[in-house]
Amino acid sequence: MNQASLKTGLFLFLSAGLSACVTQRPVLLPNDHLARVGPSAAERDIDECVRRAAQYEFPEPSPPPSYRDLVDGCLREKGYEPGGWK
């Protein structure tokens, strides 16, 4: 199986899994990091970033970043490429 097919398969797998969730979650675009870690690790990383964003304490008086921005930023730090939410 070539790398492009693997990436496409991982993307479709994650998209299907994420669309089955009741709440919206980030959709990850295929990239080398996602191909390397696989869908199970990616789901765990999404869960961790969601927890971190939910626990974020907003410093005053700066305007708070959005929840999605926090989750997407966390995922980018881990090497993923967020591509929207479903």
PDB file of N, CA and C in Angstrom:
ATOM      1  N   MET A   1       0.854  -1.174   0.000  1.00  0.00           N
ATOM      2  CA  MET A   1       0.000   0.000   0.000  1.00  0.00           C
ATOM      3  C   MET A   1       0.897   1.232   0.000  1.00  0.00           C
ATOM      4  N   ASN A   2       0.666   2.149  -0.945  1.00  0.00           N
ATOM      5  CA  ASN A   2       1.520   3.326  -0.989  1.00  0.00           C
ATOM      6  C   ASN A   2       1.076   4.355   0.049  1.00  0.00           C
ATOM      7  N   GLN A   3       1.913   5.349   0.258  1.00  0.00           N
ATOM      8  CA  GLN A   3       1.677   6.320   1.333  1.00  0.00           C
ATOM      9  C   GLN A   3       0.427   7.161   1.065  1.00  0.00           C
ATOM     10  N   ALA A   4       0.161   7.501  -0.192  1.00  0.00           N
ATOM     11  CA  ALA A   4      -1.030   8.297  -0.506  1.00  0.00           C
ATOM     12  C   ALA A   4      -2.301   7.523  -0.170  1.00  0.00           C
ATOM     13  N   SER A   5      -2.313   6.218  -0.480  1.00  0.00           N
ATOM     14  CA  SER A   5      -3.483   5.393  -0.154  1.00  0.00           C
ATOM     15  C   SER A   5      -3.649   5.265   1.349  1.00  0.00           C
ATOM     16  N   LEU A   6      -2.539   5.125   2.065  1.00  0.00           N
ATOM     17  CA  LEU A   6      -2.587   5.035   3.524  1.00  0.00           C
ATOM     18  C   LEU A   6      -3.159   6.316   4.124  1.00  0.00           C
ATOM     19  N   LYS A   7      -2.685   7.454   3.640  1.00  0.00           N
ATOM     20  CA  LYS A   7      -3.178   8.737   4.145  1.00  0.00           C
ATOM     21  C   LYS A   7      -4.669   8.898   3.866  1.00  0.00           C
ATOM     22  N   THR A   8      -5.091   8.555   2.660  1.00  0.00           N
ATOM     23  CA  THR A   8      -6.497   8.670   2.312  1.00  0.00           C
ATOM     24  C   THR A   8      -7.340   7.755   3.189  1.00  0.00           C
ATOM     25  N   GLY A   9      -6.856   6.536   3.396  1.00  0.00           N
ATOM     26  CA  GLY A   9      -7.578   5.602   4.248  1.00  0.00           C
ATOM     27  C   GLY A   9      -7.698   6.095   5.676  1.00  0.00           C
ATOM     28  N   LEU A  10      -6.613   6.637   6.216  1.00  0.00           N
ATOM     29  CA  LEU A  10      -6.643   7.167   7.580  1.00  0.00           C
ATOM     30  C   LEU A  10      -7.608   8.339   7.689  1.00  0.00           C
ATOM     31  N   PHE A  11      -7.575   9.219   6.683  1.00  0.00           N
ATOM     32  CA  PHE A  11      -8.460  10.378   6.693  1.00  0.00           C
ATOM     33  C   PHE A  11      -9.918   9.930   6.669  1.00  0.00           C
ATOM     34  N   LEU A  12     -10.245   8.977   5.804  1.00  0.00           N
ATOM     35  CA  LEU A  12     -11.623   8.492   5.726  1.00  0.00           C
ATOM     36  C   LEU A  12     -12.039   7.795   7.015  1.00  0.00           C
ATOM     37  N   PHE A  13     -11.129   7.023   7.584  1.00  0.00           N
ATOM     38  CA  PHE A  13     -11.418   6.338   8.843  1.00  0.00           C
ATOM     39  C   PHE A  13     -11.710   7.350   9.950  1.00  0.00           C
ATOM     40  N   LEU A  14     -10.856   8.358  10.072  1.00  0.00           N
ATOM     41  CA  LEU A  14     -11.059   9.372  11.110  1.00  0.00           C
ATOM     42  C   LEU A  14     -12.323  10.171  10.862  1.00  0.00           C
ATOM     43  N   SER A  15     -12.583  10.507   9.606  1.00  0.00           N
ATOM     44  CA  SER A  15     -13.783  11.275   9.283  1.00  0.00           C
ATOM     45  C   SER A  15     -15.039  10.497   9.651  1.00  0.00           C
ATOM     46  N   ALA A  16     -15.055   9.208   9.331  1.00  0.00           N
ATOM     47  CA  ALA A  16     -16.214   8.381   9.660  1.00  0.00           C
ATOM     48  C   ALA A  16     -16.386   8.265  11.172  1.00  0.00           C
ATOM     49  N   GLY A  17     -15.296   8.060  11.874  1.00  0.00           N
ATOM     50  CA  GLY A  17     -15.361   7.942  13.326  1.00  0.00           C
ATOM     51  C   GLY A  17     -15.795   9.230  13.984  1.00  0.00           C
ATOM     52  N   LEU A  18     -15.294  10.336  13.498  1.00  0.00           N
ATOM     53  CA  LEU A  18     -15.645  11.622  14.087  1.00  0.00           C
ATOM     54  C   LEU A  18     -17.085  12.009  13.776  1.00  0.00           C
ATOM     55  N   SER A  19     -17.573  11.670  12.592  1.00  0.00           N
ATOM     56  CA  SER A  19     -18.940  12.053  12.237  1.00  0.00           C
ATOM     57  C   SER A  19     -19.962  11.288  13.058  1.00  0.00           C
ATOM     58  N   ALA A  20     -19.570  10.158  13.618  1.00  0.00           N
ATOM     59  CA  ALA A  20     -20.484   9.377  14.440  1.00  0.00           C
ATOM     60  C   ALA A  20     -20.642   9.967  15.833  1.00  0.00           C
ATOM     61  N   CYS A  21     -19.796  10.889  16.219  1.00  0.00           N
ATOM     62  CA  CYS A  21     -19.861  11.495  17.551  1.00  0.00           C
ATOM     63  C   CYS A  21     -21.020  12.483  17.625  1.00  0.00           C
ATOM     64  N   VAL A  22     -21.599  12.612  18.815  1.00  0.00           N
ATOM     65  CA  VAL A  22     -22.707  13.520  19.018  1.00  0.00           C
ATOM     66  C   VAL A  22     -22.233  14.968  18.976  1.00  0.00           C
ATOM     67  N   THR A  23     -21.127  15.269  19.625  1.00  0.00           N
ATOM     68  CA  THR A  23     -20.604  16.624  19.646  1.00  0.00           C
ATOM     69  C   THR A  23     -19.612  16.820  18.510  1.00  0.00           C
ATOM     70  N   GLN A  24     -19.399  18.066  18.147  1.00  0.00           N
ATOM     71  CA  GLN A  24     -18.443  18.351  17.081  1.00  0.00           C
ATOM     72  C   GLN A  24     -17.026  18.160  17.574  1.00  0.00           C
ATOM     73  N   ARG A  25     -16.204  17.626  16.686  1.00  0.00           N
ATOM     74  CA  ARG A  25     -14.795  17.392  16.991  1.00  0.00           C
ATOM     75  C   ARG A  25     -13.988  17.801  15.778  1.00  0.00           C
ATOM     76  N   PRO A  26     -12.694  18.063  15.973  1.00  0.00           N
ATOM     77  CA  PRO A  26     -11.867  18.446  14.839  1.00  0.00           C
ATOM     78  C   PRO A  26     -11.698  17.294  13.848  1.00  0.00           C
ATOM     79  N   VAL A  27     -11.575  17.667  12.597  1.00  0.00           N
ATOM     80  CA  VAL A  27     -11.262  16.719  11.530  1.00  0.00           C
ATOM     81  C   VAL A  27      -9.803  16.951  11.168  1.00  0.00           C
ATOM     82  N   LEU A  28      -9.021  15.896  11.139  1.00  0.00           N
ATOM     83  CA  LEU A  28      -7.592  16.019  10.835  1.00  0.00           C
ATOM     84  C   LEU A  28      -7.349  15.735   9.361  1.00  0.00           C
ATOM     85  N   LEU A  29      -6.599  16.615   8.744  1.00  0.00           N
ATOM     86  CA  LEU A  29      -6.200  16.382   7.366  1.00  0.00           C
ATOM     87  C   LEU A  29      -5.035  15.404   7.349  1.00  0.00           C
ATOM     88  N   PRO A  30      -4.939  14.609   6.314  1.00  0.00           N
ATOM     89  CA  PRO A  30      -3.834  13.653   6.252  1.00  0.00           C
ATOM     90  C   PRO A  30      -2.490  14.375   6.133  1.00  0.00           C
ATOM     91  N   ASN A  31      -1.538  13.958   6.930  1.00  0.00           N
ATOM     92  CA  ASN A  31      -0.165  14.450   6.824  1.00  0.00           C
ATOM     93  C   ASN A  31       0.776  13.362   7.338  1.00  0.00           C
ATOM     94  N   ASP A  32       2.067  13.606   7.283  1.00  0.00           N
ATOM     95  CA  ASP A  32       3.038  12.591   7.686  1.00  0.00           C
ATOM     96  C   ASP A  32       2.868  12.186   9.148  1.00  0.00           C
ATOM     97  N   HIS A  33       2.592  13.160  10.014  1.00  0.00           N
ATOM     98  CA  HIS A  33       2.451  12.848  11.441  1.00  0.00           C
ATOM     99  C   HIS A  33       1.266  11.913  11.672  1.00  0.00           C
ATOM    100  N   LEU A  34       0.121  12.220  11.062  1.00  0.00           N
ATOM    101  CA  LEU A  34      -1.056  11.376  11.214  1.00  0.00           C
ATOM    102  C   LEU A  34      -0.792   9.971  10.680  1.00  0.00           C
ATOM    103  N   ALA A  35      -0.118   9.879   9.552  1.00  0.00           N
ATOM    104  CA  ALA A  35       0.211   8.565   8.985  1.00  0.00           C
ATOM    105  C   ALA A  35       1.145   7.789   9.917  1.00  0.00           C
ATOM    106  N   ARG A  36       2.046   8.498  10.580  1.00  0.00           N
ATOM    107  CA  ARG A  36       3.014   7.861  11.468  1.00  0.00           C
ATOM    108  C   ARG A  36       2.362   7.350  12.756  1.00  0.00           C
ATOM    109  N   VAL A  37       1.475   8.163  13.366  1.00  0.00           N
ATOM    110  CA  VAL A  37       0.928   7.787  14.674  1.00  0.00           C
ATOM    111  C   VAL A  37      -0.315   6.915  14.574  1.00  0.00           C
ATOM    112  N   GLY A  38      -1.075   7.043  13.507  1.00  0.00           N
ATOM    113  CA  GLY A  38      -2.268   6.235  13.311  1.00  0.00           C
ATOM    114  C   GLY A  38      -3.508   6.825  13.964  1.00  0.00           C
ATOM    115  N   PRO A  39      -4.659   6.275  13.617  1.00  0.00           N
ATOM    116  CA  PRO A  39      -5.932   6.845  14.079  1.00  0.00           C
ATOM    117  C   PRO A  39      -6.180   6.727  15.580  1.00  0.00           C
ATOM    118  N   SER A  40      -5.730   5.676  16.218  1.00  0.00           N
ATOM    119  CA  SER A  40      -5.962   5.525  17.664  1.00  0.00           C
ATOM    120  C   SER A  40      -5.226   6.598  18.454  1.00  0.00           C
ATOM    121  N   ALA A  41      -3.961   6.814  18.123  1.00  0.00           N
ATOM    122  CA  ALA A  41      -3.188   7.852  18.805  1.00  0.00           C
ATOM    123  C   ALA A  41      -3.758   9.230  18.496  1.00  0.00           C
ATOM    124  N   ALA A  42      -4.208   9.436  17.274  1.00  0.00           N
ATOM    125  CA  ALA A  42      -4.794  10.723  16.900  1.00  0.00           C
ATOM    126  C   ALA A  42      -6.046  11.001  17.728  1.00  0.00           C
ATOM    127  N   GLU A  43      -6.885  10.002  17.918  1.00  0.00           N
ATOM    128  CA  GLU A  43      -8.087  10.173  18.738  1.00  0.00           C
ATOM    129  C   GLU A  43      -7.720  10.507  20.185  1.00  0.00           C
ATOM    130  N   ARG A  44      -6.717   9.841  20.705  1.00  0.00           N
ATOM    131  CA  ARG A  44      -6.269  10.146  22.077  1.00  0.00           C
ATOM    132  C   ARG A  44      -5.749  11.578  22.162  1.00  0.00           C
ATOM    133  N   ASP A  45      -4.994  12.006  21.156  1.00  0.00           N
ATOM    134  CA  ASP A  45      -4.478  13.374  21.149  1.00  0.00           C
ATOM    135  C   ASP A  45      -5.616  14.397  21.039  1.00  0.00           C
ATOM    136  N   ILE A  46      -6.629  14.108  20.229  1.00  0.00           N
ATOM    137  CA  ILE A  46      -7.789  15.003  20.142  1.00  0.00           C
ATOM    138  C   ILE A  46      -8.457  15.095  21.506  1.00  0.00           C
ATOM    139  N   ASP A  47      -8.668  13.950  22.153  1.00  0.00           N
ATOM    140  CA  ASP A  47      -9.282  13.950  23.489  1.00  0.00           C
ATOM    141  C   ASP A  47      -8.482  14.797  24.470  1.00  0.00           C
ATOM    142  N   GLU A  48      -7.157  14.653  24.437  1.00  0.00           N
ATOM    143  CA  GLU A  48      -6.306  15.437  25.346  1.00  0.00           C
ATOM    144  C   GLU A  48      -6.433  16.929  25.051  1.00  0.00           C
ATOM    145  N   CYS A  49      -6.423  17.310  23.789  1.00  0.00           N
ATOM    146  CA  CYS A  49      -6.526  18.725  23.437  1.00  0.00           C
ATOM    147  C   CYS A  49      -7.889  19.300  23.816  1.00  0.00           C
ATOM    148  N   VAL A  50      -8.942  18.500  23.667  1.00  0.00           N
ATOM    149  CA  VAL A  50     -10.279  18.938  24.079  1.00  0.00           C
ATOM    150  C   VAL A  50     -10.309  19.159  25.588  1.00  0.00           C
ATOM    151  N   ARG A  51      -9.718  18.246  26.348  1.00  0.00           N
ATOM    152  CA  ARG A  51      -9.666  18.412  27.818  1.00  0.00           C
ATOM    153  C   ARG A  51      -8.871  19.668  28.190  1.00  0.00           C
ATOM    154  N   ARG A  52      -7.725  19.869  27.522  1.00  0.00           N
ATOM    155  CA  ARG A  52      -6.903  21.047  27.832  1.00  0.00           C
ATOM    156  C   ARG A  52      -7.663  22.336  27.542  1.00  0.00           C
ATOM    157  N   ALA A  53      -8.381  22.375  26.426  1.00  0.00           N
ATOM    158  CA  ALA A  53      -9.136  23.577  26.069  1.00  0.00           C
ATOM    159  C   ALA A  53     -10.259  23.833  27.070  1.00  0.00           C
ATOM    160  N   ALA A  54     -10.904  22.764  27.535  1.00  0.00           N
ATOM    161  CA  ALA A  54     -11.996  22.916  28.501  1.00  0.00           C
ATOM    162  C   ALA A  54     -11.487  23.436  29.843  1.00  0.00           C
ATOM    163  N   GLN A  55     -10.234  23.170  30.179  1.00  0.00           N
ATOM    164  CA  GLN A  55      -9.663  23.593  31.454  1.00  0.00           C
ATOM    165  C   GLN A  55      -8.922  24.928  31.357  1.00  0.00           C
ATOM    166  N   TYR A  56      -8.891  25.514  30.180  1.00  0.00           N
ATOM    167  CA  TYR A  56      -8.144  26.753  29.970  1.00  0.00           C
ATOM    168  C   TYR A  56      -8.707  27.870  30.833  1.00  0.00           C
ATOM    169  N   GLU A  57      -7.832  28.553  31.549  1.00  0.00           N
ATOM    170  CA  GLU A  57      -8.253  29.695  32.353  1.00  0.00           C
ATOM    171  C   GLU A  57      -7.865  30.957  31.601  1.00  0.00           C
ATOM    172  N   PHE A  58      -8.850  31.822  31.378  1.00  0.00           N
ATOM    173  CA  PHE A  58      -8.628  33.013  30.580  1.00  0.00           C
ATOM    174  C   PHE A  58      -8.048  34.126  31.435  1.00  0.00           C
ATOM    175  N   PRO A  59      -6.846  34.609  31.078  1.00  0.00           N
ATOM    176  CA  PRO A  59      -6.266  35.724  31.829  1.00  0.00           C
ATOM    177  C   PRO A  59      -7.015  37.024  31.528  1.00  0.00           C
ATOM    178  N   GLU A  60      -7.131  37.853  32.521  1.00  0.00           N
ATOM    179  CA  GLU A  60      -7.768  39.162  32.345  1.00  0.00           C
ATOM    180  C   GLU A  60      -6.686  40.182  32.033  1.00  0.00           C
ATOM    181  N   PRO A  61      -6.899  41.178  31.279  1.00  0.00           N
ATOM    182  CA  PRO A  61      -8.125  41.537  30.570  1.00  0.00           C
ATOM    183  C   PRO A  61      -8.119  41.078  29.111  1.00  0.00           C
ATOM    184  N   SER A  62      -7.224  40.192  28.728  1.00  0.00           N
ATOM    185  CA  SER A  62      -7.148  39.797  27.322  1.00  0.00           C
ATOM    186  C   SER A  62      -8.405  39.055  26.893  1.00  0.00           C
ATOM    187  N   PRO A  63      -8.802  39.224  25.623  1.00  0.00           N
ATOM    188  CA  PRO A  63      -9.985  38.499  25.157  1.00  0.00           C
ATOM    189  C   PRO A  63      -9.676  37.010  25.053  1.00  0.00           C
ATOM    190  N   PRO A  64     -10.600  36.175  25.447  1.00  0.00           N
ATOM    191  CA  PRO A  64     -10.328  34.739  25.431  1.00  0.00           C
ATOM    192  C   PRO A  64     -10.316  34.181  24.003  1.00  0.00           C
ATOM    193  N   PRO A  65      -9.384  33.283  23.718  1.00  0.00           N
ATOM    194  CA  PRO A  65      -9.416  32.618  22.421  1.00  0.00           C
ATOM    195  C   PRO A  65     -10.604  31.659  22.392  1.00  0.00           C
ATOM    196  N   SER A  66     -11.066  31.347  21.212  1.00  0.00           N
ATOM    197  CA  SER A  66     -12.210  30.442  21.129  1.00  0.00           C
ATOM    198  C   SER A  66     -11.777  29.017  21.480  1.00  0.00           C
ATOM    199  N   TYR A  67     -12.728  28.233  21.895  1.00  0.00           N
ATOM    200  CA  TYR A  67     -12.500  26.831  22.250  1.00  0.00           C
ATOM    201  C   TYR A  67     -11.884  26.096  21.063  1.00  0.00           C
ATOM    202  N   ARG A  68     -12.444  26.294  19.883  1.00  0.00           N
ATOM    203  CA  ARG A  68     -11.917  25.621  18.695  1.00  0.00           C
ATOM    204  C   ARG A  68     -10.483  26.048  18.402  1.00  0.00           C
ATOM    205  N   ASP A  69     -10.193  27.332  18.584  1.00  0.00           N
ATOM    206  CA  ASP A  69      -8.820  27.801  18.360  1.00  0.00           C
ATOM    207  C   ASP A  69      -7.852  27.111  19.320  1.00  0.00           C
ATOM    208  N   LEU A  70      -8.268  26.935  20.563  1.00  0.00           N
ATOM    209  CA  LEU A  70      -7.413  26.268  21.553  1.00  0.00           C
ATOM    210  C   LEU A  70      -7.165  24.813  21.166  1.00  0.00           C
ATOM    211  N   VAL A  71      -8.216  24.106  20.780  1.00  0.00           N
ATOM    212  CA  VAL A  71      -8.066  22.702  20.396  1.00  0.00           C
ATOM    213  C   VAL A  71      -7.207  22.596  19.136  1.00  0.00           C
ATOM    214  N   ASP A  72      -7.499  23.417  18.127  1.00  0.00           N
ATOM    215  CA  ASP A  72      -6.723  23.383  16.881  1.00  0.00           C
ATOM    216  C   ASP A  72      -5.255  23.719  17.135  1.00  0.00           C
ATOM    217  N   GLY A  73      -4.991  24.716  17.987  1.00  0.00           N
ATOM    218  CA  GLY A  73      -3.611  25.067  18.312  1.00  0.00           C
ATOM    219  C   GLY A  73      -2.881  23.927  19.000  1.00  0.00           C
ATOM    220  N   CYS A  74      -3.557  23.268  19.911  1.00  0.00           N
ATOM    221  CA  CYS A  74      -2.977  22.116  20.608  1.00  0.00           C
ATOM    222  C   CYS A  74      -2.637  21.015  19.605  1.00  0.00           C
ATOM    223  N   LEU A  75      -3.541  20.735  18.674  1.00  0.00           N
ATOM    224  CA  LEU A  75      -3.294  19.697  17.677  1.00  0.00           C
ATOM    225  C   LEU A  75      -2.132  20.072  16.755  1.00  0.00           C
ATOM    226  N   ARG A  76      -2.046  21.345  16.386  1.00  0.00           N
ATOM    227  CA  ARG A  76      -0.909  21.793  15.553  1.00  0.00           C
ATOM    228  C   ARG A  76       0.413  21.599  16.297  1.00  0.00           C
ATOM    229  N   GLU A  77       0.424  21.905  17.593  1.00  0.00           N
ATOM    230  CA  GLU A  77       1.637  21.700  18.394  1.00  0.00           C
ATOM    231  C   GLU A  77       2.070  20.240  18.381  1.00  0.00           C
ATOM    232  N   LYS A  78       1.107  19.331  18.284  1.00  0.00           N
ATOM    233  CA  LYS A  78       1.405  17.901  18.270  1.00  0.00           C
ATOM    234  C   LYS A  78       1.772  17.397  16.874  1.00  0.00           C
ATOM    235  N   GLY A  79       1.669  18.253  15.841  1.00  0.00           N
ATOM    236  CA  GLY A  79       2.068  17.872  14.494  1.00  0.00           C
ATOM    237  C   GLY A  79       0.931  17.576  13.537  1.00  0.00           C
ATOM    238  N   TYR A  80      -0.327  17.738  13.988  1.00  0.00           N
ATOM    239  CA  TYR A  80      -1.475  17.474  13.126  1.00  0.00           C
ATOM    240  C   TYR A  80      -1.832  18.719  12.325  1.00  0.00           C
ATOM    241  N   GLU A  81      -2.688  18.524  11.336  1.00  0.00           N
ATOM    242  CA  GLU A  81      -3.193  19.632  10.534  1.00  0.00           C
ATOM    243  C   GLU A  81      -4.720  19.614  10.618  1.00  0.00           C
ATOM    244  N   PRO A  82      -5.288  20.400  11.551  1.00  0.00           N
ATOM    245  CA  PRO A  82      -6.744  20.439  11.654  1.00  0.00           C
ATOM    246  C   PRO A  82      -7.351  21.008  10.369  1.00  0.00           C
ATOM    247  N   GLY A  83      -8.482  20.434   9.962  1.00  0.00           N
ATOM    248  CA  GLY A  83      -9.113  20.868   8.723  1.00  0.00           C
ATOM    249  C   GLY A  83     -10.574  21.178   8.887  1.00  0.00           C
ATOM    250  N   GLY A  84     -10.956  21.700  10.030  1.00  0.00           N
ATOM    251  CA  GLY A  84     -12.360  22.018  10.274  1.00  0.00           C
ATOM    252  C   GLY A  84     -12.938  21.147  11.375  1.00  0.00           C
ATOM    253  N   TRP A  85     -14.238  21.278  11.567  1.00  0.00           N
ATOM    254  CA  TRP A  85     -14.934  20.532  12.620  1.00  0.00           C
ATOM    255  C   TRP A  85     -16.189  19.908  12.042  1.00  0.00           C
ATOM    256  N   LYS A  86     -16.524  18.743  12.538  1.00  0.00           N
ATOM    257  CA  LYS A  86     -17.782  18.075  12.164  1.00  0.00           C
ATOM    258  C   LYS A  86     -18.508  17.655  13.409  1.00  0.00           C
TER     259      LYS A  86
END
